[in-house]
Amino acid sequence: MNNFQYYTPTKVVFGRGAEEETGNLIQAYGCTKVLVHYGSGSVKRTGLLERICRSLEKAGIAYTMLGGVVPNPHLSLIYEGIELCKKEGVDFILAVGGGSVIDSAKAIGYGVANEGDVWDFYDRKRQAEACLAVGAVLTIAAAGSEMSDSSVITNEEGWIKRGYSSPYSRPRFAVMNPELTMTLPEYQTMSGCVDIMMHTMERYLNRAVNMDLTDGISEHLLRTVMKHAAILQKDPENYESRAEVMWAGSLSHNGLTGCGTDGGDWASHQIEHELGGMFDVAHGAGLAAVWGSWARYVVSERPGRFAKLAVNVMGAADCGDDMQTALKGIEAMEAFYRSINMPASLKELGIDPTDAQMKEMAEKCCFWGRRTVGCLKALHAEDVYKIYKEARVRK
């Protein structure tokens, strides 16, 4: 196993009515003014935003508001948020929404607390030295951003989607009421389930000598999400299943399932980021669409690891040959995606990129030759292009 540090400072307030505690939670940090950051009108229609504001007012906390966050959050709104925070003297950002809102809040936090252009951090030009305090009221179980150190944003100039990780951005608290996810469309719920699973699979599929305990946690988390995704298809208001998936989302991306590993592969995420940047697809659905093609491209690098996933998570029979078992597991995972109405190809995702677009995405993914992606196999732009091409034609 590898040495590791496990740092999870986020306070979690979980359960029915948890959002009513928001004002008291922020008050404990001695903040003077809060930016309430949110997405579309759904938080207004459900009355959540009103309840949050009432909680802040009851605690005597002043606030200003900025809505309009979209999936694959845009840099232009982040710039607007940075200027608003500076103008209003904001010293705490409250994200009310899912991963996109939380990621946008983190980026605003970087921009307020550091000089210069916030995009520099995402473009790997320099490192952040601080981040304005962020808290989250979670409405979508998916990204795990409510407990993670990472965020992903999109620069509309060139439609470049980039992620950045820093411990400064870990939220101070995460308010998690599973009831808030019950109004989500099925597609968004299932896309979230895939995203949760992928955060653990990215860490699980690695080159390390892994800990039995970490593997066991990872495998059980994956089985749990699969089980409850199927339940939520039939019973979207099942509180217990909503709670299981919501908590799995946090544990899948707060570092727990990476303890003792080499950090994992993460190529699938990098490959999908370009799909999200160019075609604005739902992140989890995009991951499902490319994962099988990526897995087949790299499985020969560590067939035993894929075989373990196949047997312990997908319930595949051990064929006595790691490669054959691994391939059965990949097929089983794709079948699971389709069973919850998630795509297993770019066609099923609803896009048909041209050859030129796939080459452009591959070059962007590898920073125009400045990096490779993945640890199981170091992927260059040509490799990424082949994976896109396979994902486009896969049936």
Protein backbone atom coordinates (compact mmCIF):
# COMPACT_ATOMS: atom_id res chain seq x y z
CA MET A 1 0.00 0.00 0.00
CA ASN A 2 0.97 3.64 -0.42
CA ASN A 3 1.34 6.15 2.39
CA PHE A 4 -1.62 8.49 2.59
CA GLN A 5 -3.15 11.50 4.33
CA TYR A 6 -6.90 11.56 4.90
CA TYR A 7 -8.25 15.05 5.51
CA THR A 8 -12.01 15.64 5.73
CA PRO A 9 -12.75 18.82 7.68
CA THR A 10 -16.29 19.24 6.36
CA LYS A 11 -19.02 19.10 9.00
CA VAL A 12 -22.00 17.07 7.75
CA VAL A 13 -25.55 17.82 8.90
CA PHE A 14 -27.65 15.01 7.44
CA GLY A 15 -31.36 14.23 7.48
CA ARG A 16 -34.88 15.59 7.20
CA GLY A 17 -35.11 19.32 7.75
CA ALA A 18 -31.32 19.73 7.92
CA GLU A 19 -31.48 22.92 5.84
CA GLU A 20 -33.16 24.71 8.76
CA GLU A 21 -29.76 24.66 10.53
CA THR A 22 -28.00 26.67 7.82
CA GLY A 23 -28.13 30.04 9.54
CA ASN A 24 -26.77 28.67 12.81
CA LEU A 25 -23.98 26.86 10.99
CA ILE A 26 -22.79 30.03 9.26
CA GLN A 27 -23.20 32.09 12.42
CA ALA A 28 -20.63 29.87 14.14
CA TYR A 29 -17.96 31.17 11.74
CA GLY A 30 -18.55 34.80 12.69
CA CYS A 31 -19.27 35.86 9.12
CA THR A 32 -20.69 39.30 8.37
CA LYS A 33 -22.14 38.82 4.89
CA VAL A 34 -22.96 35.76 2.79
CA LEU A 35 -23.27 35.21 -0.95
CA VAL A 36 -26.14 32.80 -1.56
CA HIS A 37 -25.19 31.11 -4.84
CA TYR A 38 -27.64 28.92 -6.73
CA GLY A 39 -28.65 27.63 -10.13
CA SER A 40 -32.00 27.73 -11.89
CA GLY A 41 -35.49 28.34 -10.58
CA SER A 42 -35.92 24.89 -9.03
CA VAL A 43 -34.65 26.01 -5.61
CA LYS A 44 -37.19 28.83 -5.79
CA ARG A 45 -40.11 26.67 -6.96
CA THR A 46 -39.60 24.16 -4.16
CA GLY A 47 -39.38 26.89 -1.53
CA LEU A 48 -35.86 25.84 -0.52
CA LEU A 49 -34.28 29.21 -1.27
CA GLU A 50 -36.92 30.98 0.81
CA ARG A 51 -36.28 28.64 3.75
CA ILE A 52 -32.53 29.23 3.50
CA CYS A 53 -32.97 33.00 3.47
CA ARG A 54 -35.33 32.80 6.41
CA SER A 55 -32.76 30.76 8.32
CA LEU A 56 -30.08 33.37 7.61
CA GLU A 57 -32.35 36.20 8.67
CA LYS A 58 -33.27 34.41 11.89
CA ALA A 59 -29.54 34.12 12.66
CA GLY A 60 -29.03 37.81 11.93
CA ILE A 61 -26.82 37.21 8.90
CA ALA A 62 -26.81 39.65 5.99
CA TYR A 63 -26.71 38.19 2.50
CA THR A 64 -26.68 38.94 -1.20
CA MET A 65 -27.68 36.52 -3.96
CA LEU A 66 -26.39 35.29 -7.31
CA GLY A 67 -28.26 32.69 -9.34
CA GLY A 68 -27.85 31.40 -12.87
CA VAL A 69 -25.36 28.55 -12.45
CA VAL A 70 -25.71 26.01 -15.26
CA PRO A 71 -24.39 22.44 -15.55
CA ASN A 72 -20.70 22.62 -16.49
CA PRO A 73 -20.55 26.02 -14.72
CA HIS A 74 -19.36 28.98 -16.76
CA LEU A 75 -16.35 31.15 -16.04
CA SER A 76 -18.27 34.31 -16.97
CA LEU A 77 -20.68 33.90 -14.04
CA ILE A 78 -17.74 33.14 -11.75
CA TYR A 79 -16.15 36.45 -12.73
CA GLU A 80 -19.47 38.15 -11.97
CA GLY A 81 -19.59 36.45 -8.57
CA ILE A 82 -16.04 37.52 -7.73
CA GLU A 83 -16.85 41.16 -8.44
CA LEU A 84 -20.11 40.96 -6.49
CA CYS A 85 -18.36 39.50 -3.45
CA LYS A 86 -15.71 42.22 -3.49
CA LYS A 87 -18.30 44.95 -3.90
CA GLU A 88 -20.57 43.63 -1.13
CA GLY A 89 -17.84 42.66 1.33
CA VAL A 90 -18.84 39.00 1.30
CA ASP A 91 -16.83 36.74 3.61
CA PHE A 92 -18.74 33.44 3.18
CA ILE A 93 -20.24 31.73 0.12
CA LEU A 94 -23.25 29.45 0.54
CA ALA A 95 -23.85 27.13 -2.41
CA VAL A 96 -27.46 25.94 -2.66
CA GLY A 97 -27.64 23.24 -5.31
CA GLY A 98 -25.64 20.39 -6.78
CA GLY A 99 -22.04 19.94 -7.84
CA SER A 100 -22.08 22.67 -10.48
CA VAL A 101 -23.24 25.28 -7.97
CA ILE A 102 -20.71 24.15 -5.37
CA ASP A 103 -17.90 24.13 -7.95
CA SER A 104 -18.86 27.63 -9.09
CA ALA A 105 -18.85 28.78 -5.44
CA LYS A 106 -15.36 27.33 -4.91
CA ALA A 107 -14.07 29.10 -8.01
CA ILE A 108 -15.56 32.40 -6.81
CA GLY A 109 -13.90 31.75 -3.45
CA TYR A 110 -10.52 31.36 -5.13
CA GLY A 111 -11.05 34.52 -7.14
CA VAL A 112 -11.90 36.63 -4.09
CA ALA A 113 -9.07 35.32 -1.92
CA ASN A 114 -6.27 35.48 -4.52
CA GLU A 115 -4.98 38.18 -6.82
CA GLY A 116 -5.07 37.76 -10.60
CA ASP A 117 -7.22 35.68 -12.92
CA VAL A 118 -8.96 32.71 -11.26
CA TRP A 119 -8.73 30.76 -14.54
CA ASP A 120 -4.97 30.52 -13.98
CA PHE A 121 -5.57 27.86 -11.31
CA TYR A 122 -7.67 25.71 -13.63
CA ASP A 123 -5.23 26.27 -16.49
CA ARG A 124 -2.36 24.94 -14.30
CA LYS A 125 -0.47 28.25 -14.42
CA ARG A 126 -0.24 28.74 -10.64
CA GLN A 127 -1.55 27.49 -7.30
CA ALA A 128 -4.15 29.08 -5.05
CA GLU A 129 -2.98 30.28 -1.65
CA ALA A 130 -6.42 30.64 -0.08
CA CYS A 131 -10.16 30.34 -0.70
CA LEU A 132 -13.07 32.23 0.78
CA ALA A 133 -15.06 30.00 3.16
CA VAL A 134 -17.68 27.90 1.38
CA GLY A 135 -20.65 25.95 2.72
CA ALA A 136 -23.14 23.80 0.82
CA VAL A 137 -26.82 22.90 0.94
CA LEU A 138 -26.91 19.90 -1.37
CA THR A 139 -29.84 19.24 -3.72
CA ILE A 140 -28.30 16.68 -6.10
CA ALA A 141 -26.44 13.51 -5.16
CA ALA A 142 -23.67 13.16 -7.72
CA ALA A 143 -20.46 15.18 -7.76
CA GLY A 144 -19.41 14.81 -4.12
CA SER A 145 -18.17 18.40 -4.25
CA GLU A 146 -19.80 19.04 -0.88
CA MET A 147 -16.89 17.23 0.82
CA SER A 148 -14.17 17.23 -1.83
CA ASP A 149 -11.25 19.52 -2.55
CA SER A 150 -11.99 19.66 -6.27
CA SER A 151 -14.04 21.76 -8.66
CA VAL A 152 -14.61 21.77 -12.42
CA ILE A 153 -15.58 24.81 -14.49
CA THR A 154 -15.93 25.70 -18.18
CA ASN A 155 -14.29 28.62 -19.97
CA GLU A 156 -16.67 29.69 -22.74
CA GLU A 157 -13.71 31.03 -24.71
CA GLY A 158 -12.88 27.83 -26.55
CA TRP A 159 -15.34 25.81 -24.41
CA ILE A 160 -12.54 24.36 -22.32
CA LYS A 161 -13.57 22.39 -19.24
CA ARG A 162 -10.93 22.11 -16.51
CA GLY A 163 -10.71 20.88 -12.94
CA TYR A 164 -8.64 22.13 -10.02
CA SER A 165 -8.03 20.63 -6.57
CA SER A 166 -6.88 22.35 -3.40
CA PRO A 167 -7.61 21.65 0.28
CA TYR A 168 -8.44 25.35 0.72
CA SER A 169 -11.76 24.82 -1.06
CA ARG A 170 -13.16 22.00 1.05
CA PRO A 171 -16.55 23.23 2.29
CA ARG A 172 -16.83 24.12 5.96
CA PHE A 173 -20.12 22.24 6.16
CA ALA A 174 -22.49 20.22 4.01
CA VAL A 175 -26.22 20.29 4.73
CA MET A 176 -27.72 17.12 3.29
CA ASN A 177 -31.45 16.41 3.34
CA PRO A 178 -32.26 13.46 1.05
CA GLU A 179 -35.79 14.81 0.60
CA LEU A 180 -34.35 17.68 -1.44
CA THR A 181 -33.36 15.23 -4.19
CA MET A 182 -36.82 13.69 -4.62
CA THR A 183 -37.98 16.18 -7.26
CA LEU A 184 -35.08 15.43 -9.63
CA PRO A 185 -35.90 13.93 -13.04
CA GLU A 186 -34.93 10.27 -13.38
CA TYR A 187 -32.21 11.08 -15.92
CA GLN A 188 -30.51 13.47 -13.50
CA THR A 189 -30.76 10.99 -10.63
CA MET A 190 -29.26 8.16 -12.66
CA SER A 191 -26.56 10.38 -14.15
CA GLY A 192 -25.67 11.28 -10.57
CA CYS A 193 -25.47 7.61 -9.60
CA VAL A 194 -22.99 6.97 -12.43
CA ASP A 195 -20.89 9.95 -11.35
CA ILE A 196 -20.79 8.64 -7.78
CA MET A 197 -19.71 5.20 -8.94
CA MET A 198 -17.07 6.62 -11.24
CA HIS A 199 -15.42 8.61 -8.45
CA THR A 200 -14.77 5.33 -6.67
CA MET A 201 -13.92 3.31 -9.79
CA GLU A 202 -11.36 5.92 -10.86
CA ARG A 203 -9.59 5.33 -7.54
CA TYR A 204 -10.15 1.55 -7.52
CA LEU A 205 -8.65 0.95 -10.97
CA ASN A 206 -5.02 1.73 -10.27
CA ARG A 207 -1.51 0.28 -10.25
CA ALA A 208 -1.01 0.11 -6.48
CA VAL A 209 -0.83 -2.76 -4.01
CA ASN A 210 -4.17 -1.96 -2.43
CA MET A 211 -5.53 -2.29 1.09
CA ASP A 212 -8.20 -4.95 1.62
CA LEU A 213 -10.18 -2.50 3.74
CA THR A 214 -10.18 0.26 1.12
CA ASP A 215 -11.11 -2.24 -1.58
CA GLY A 216 -13.93 -3.57 0.56
CA ILE A 217 -15.31 -0.09 1.23
CA SER A 218 -15.11 0.73 -2.48
CA GLU A 219 -16.78 -2.48 -3.62
CA HIS A 220 -19.61 -2.17 -1.10
CA LEU A 221 -20.18 1.48 -2.03
CA LEU A 222 -20.49 0.53 -5.70
CA ARG A 223 -22.91 -2.31 -4.97
CA THR A 224 -24.96 -0.02 -2.72
CA VAL A 225 -25.35 2.65 -5.39
CA MET A 226 -26.32 0.05 -8.00
CA LYS A 227 -28.93 -1.45 -5.69
CA HIS A 228 -30.53 1.84 -4.77
CA ALA A 229 -30.39 3.28 -8.29
CA ALA A 230 -32.63 0.41 -9.34
CA ILE A 231 -35.01 1.10 -6.44
CA LEU A 232 -35.19 4.82 -7.27
CA GLN A 233 -36.18 4.03 -10.85
CA LYS A 234 -39.39 2.48 -9.52
CA ASP A 235 -39.82 4.54 -6.35
CA PRO A 236 -38.19 7.98 -6.75
CA GLU A 237 -39.52 9.18 -3.37
CA ASN A 238 -37.96 6.33 -1.39
CA TYR A 239 -36.26 8.22 1.44
CA GLU A 240 -33.92 5.39 2.46
CA SER A 241 -32.62 4.94 -1.08
CA ARG A 242 -32.22 8.69 -1.55
CA ALA A 243 -30.24 8.78 1.70
CA GLU A 244 -28.00 5.85 0.70
CA VAL A 245 -27.15 7.43 -2.65
CA MET A 246 -26.61 10.89 -1.17
CA TRP A 247 -24.19 9.64 1.49
CA ALA A 248 -22.42 7.43 -1.04
CA GLY A 249 -21.83 10.53 -3.18
CA SER A 250 -19.97 12.24 -0.35
CA LEU A 251 -17.90 9.21 0.67
CA SER A 252 -17.02 8.42 -2.94
CA HIS A 253 -15.26 11.75 -3.47
CA ASN A 254 -13.95 12.84 -0.05
CA GLY A 255 -10.83 10.67 -0.39
CA LEU A 256 -11.98 7.64 1.61
CA THR A 257 -12.00 5.20 -1.31
CA GLY A 258 -8.51 6.30 -2.34
CA CYS A 259 -6.74 5.64 0.96
CA GLY A 260 -3.58 3.61 0.35
CA THR A 261 -3.90 3.70 -3.43
CA ASP A 262 -1.73 5.57 -5.93
CA GLY A 263 -4.58 8.03 -6.50
CA GLY A 264 -6.23 6.14 -9.30
CA ASP A 265 -6.54 6.53 -13.05
CA TRP A 266 -8.95 9.43 -13.79
CA ALA A 267 -8.58 9.20 -17.58
CA SER A 268 -12.32 8.65 -18.02
CA HIS A 269 -13.02 11.93 -16.24
CA GLN A 270 -10.53 13.83 -18.38
CA ILE A 271 -11.96 12.30 -21.55
CA GLU A 272 -15.50 13.20 -20.50
CA HIS A 273 -14.57 16.76 -19.57
CA GLU A 274 -13.99 17.49 -23.24
CA LEU A 275 -17.40 16.06 -24.14
CA GLY A 276 -18.96 18.30 -21.50
CA GLY A 277 -17.02 21.30 -22.73
CA MET A 278 -17.92 20.84 -26.41
CA PHE A 279 -21.41 19.32 -26.22
CA ASP A 280 -22.63 20.36 -22.73
CA VAL A 281 -23.72 16.82 -21.83
CA ALA A 282 -24.61 15.67 -18.32
CA HIS A 283 -21.36 14.63 -16.65
CA GLY A 284 -22.45 11.22 -15.35
CA ALA A 285 -24.07 10.29 -18.65
CA GLY A 286 -20.92 11.32 -20.50
CA LEU A 287 -18.83 9.12 -18.20
CA ALA A 288 -21.11 6.15 -18.86
CA ALA A 289 -20.84 6.73 -22.61
CA VAL A 290 -17.02 6.54 -22.69
CA TRP A 291 -16.19 4.21 -19.81
CA GLY A 292 -16.58 0.90 -21.64
CA SER A 293 -14.45 2.03 -24.58
CA TRP A 294 -11.77 3.35 -22.22
CA ALA A 295 -11.86 0.14 -20.16
CA ARG A 296 -11.36 -2.11 -23.19
CA TYR A 297 -8.50 0.09 -24.36
CA VAL A 298 -6.55 -0.23 -21.10
CA VAL A 299 -7.74 -3.53 -19.57
CA SER A 300 -4.66 -5.44 -20.75
CA GLU A 301 -2.50 -3.23 -18.52
CA ARG A 302 -4.01 -4.74 -15.36
CA PRO A 303 -6.60 -7.42 -16.15
CA GLY A 304 -6.52 -8.79 -12.61
CA ARG A 305 -7.81 -5.53 -11.18
CA PHE A 306 -10.68 -5.37 -13.67
CA ALA A 307 -11.41 -9.04 -12.94
CA LYS A 308 -11.70 -8.27 -9.23
CA LEU A 309 -14.19 -5.51 -10.03
CA ALA A 310 -16.11 -7.94 -12.23
CA VAL A 311 -16.41 -10.63 -9.56
CA ASN A 312 -16.78 -8.56 -6.39
CA VAL A 313 -19.01 -5.79 -7.75
CA MET A 314 -20.71 -6.99 -10.91
CA GLY A 315 -21.24 -10.56 -9.74
CA ALA A 316 -19.51 -12.07 -12.77
CA ALA A 317 -18.27 -15.64 -12.58
CA ASP A 318 -14.52 -16.10 -12.32
CA CYS A 319 -13.56 -17.72 -15.63
CA GLY A 320 -10.13 -18.72 -14.37
CA ASP A 321 -8.64 -16.26 -16.83
CA ASP A 322 -8.29 -12.65 -15.68
CA MET A 323 -8.75 -11.13 -19.11
CA GLN A 324 -11.92 -13.07 -19.90
CA THR A 325 -13.35 -12.32 -16.46
CA ALA A 326 -12.44 -8.65 -16.83
CA LEU A 327 -14.20 -8.37 -20.20
CA LYS A 328 -17.33 -9.97 -18.74
CA GLY A 329 -17.25 -7.38 -15.99
CA ILE A 330 -16.98 -4.51 -18.49
CA GLU A 331 -19.96 -5.91 -20.40
CA ALA A 332 -21.89 -6.22 -17.15
CA MET A 333 -21.17 -2.61 -16.22
CA GLU A 334 -22.38 -1.40 -19.61
CA ALA A 335 -25.52 -3.52 -19.18
CA PHE A 336 -26.08 -1.87 -15.80
CA TYR A 337 -25.76 1.59 -17.33
CA ARG A 338 -28.37 0.71 -19.92
CA SER A 339 -30.64 -0.81 -17.27
CA ILE A 340 -30.89 2.61 -15.59
CA ASN A 341 -31.32 4.36 -18.95
CA MET A 342 -27.78 5.66 -19.09
CA PRO A 343 -25.79 5.54 -22.37
CA ALA A 344 -22.94 3.17 -23.10
CA SER A 345 -21.86 4.92 -26.31
CA LEU A 346 -21.74 8.41 -27.78
CA LYS A 347 -24.68 7.57 -30.03
CA GLU A 348 -26.75 6.59 -27.00
CA LEU A 349 -25.62 9.85 -25.38
CA GLY A 350 -27.26 11.65 -28.30
CA ILE A 351 -24.17 13.11 -29.95
CA ASP A 352 -22.30 12.29 -33.15
CA PRO A 353 -18.98 14.14 -33.13
CA THR A 354 -17.13 14.52 -36.40
CA ASP A 355 -13.65 13.15 -36.83
CA ALA A 356 -12.28 16.69 -36.58
CA GLN A 357 -14.20 17.30 -33.34
CA MET A 358 -12.87 14.07 -31.80
CA LYS A 359 -9.31 15.04 -32.70
CA GLU A 360 -9.86 18.51 -31.24
CA MET A 361 -11.21 17.03 -27.98
CA ALA A 362 -8.29 14.61 -27.79
CA GLU A 363 -5.77 17.45 -28.19
CA LYS A 364 -7.54 19.56 -25.56
CA CYS A 365 -7.65 16.58 -23.20
CA CYS A 366 -3.87 16.22 -23.43
CA PHE A 367 -3.22 19.97 -23.27
CA TRP A 368 -1.99 19.99 -26.85
CA GLY A 369 0.78 17.52 -26.11
CA ARG A 370 1.82 18.92 -22.71
CA ARG A 371 0.46 15.97 -20.69
CA THR A 372 -0.82 12.42 -20.80
CA VAL A 373 -3.88 11.19 -18.90
CA GLY A 374 -4.42 8.01 -16.89
CA CYS A 375 -2.14 5.80 -14.79
CA LEU A 376 -3.06 2.31 -15.98
CA LYS A 377 -1.88 3.39 -19.42
CA ALA A 378 -0.47 6.84 -20.14
CA LEU A 379 -2.80 8.10 -22.85
CA HIS A 380 -1.62 10.53 -25.51
CA ALA A 381 -3.93 12.47 -27.79
CA GLU A 382 -3.89 9.67 -30.37
CA ASP A 383 -5.01 7.17 -27.72
CA VAL A 384 -7.81 9.46 -26.54
CA TYR A 385 -8.93 9.95 -30.14
CA LYS A 386 -9.16 6.17 -30.58
CA ILE A 387 -11.28 5.90 -27.43
CA TYR A 388 -13.68 8.59 -28.69
CA LYS A 389 -13.83 6.83 -32.04
CA GLU A 390 -14.62 3.47 -30.41
CA ALA A 391 -17.25 5.08 -28.17
CA ARG A 392 -18.91 6.64 -31.21
CA VAL A 393 -19.38 3.37 -33.08
CA ARG A 394 -20.00 1.04 -30.11
CA LYS A 395 -23.38 -0.67 -30.10
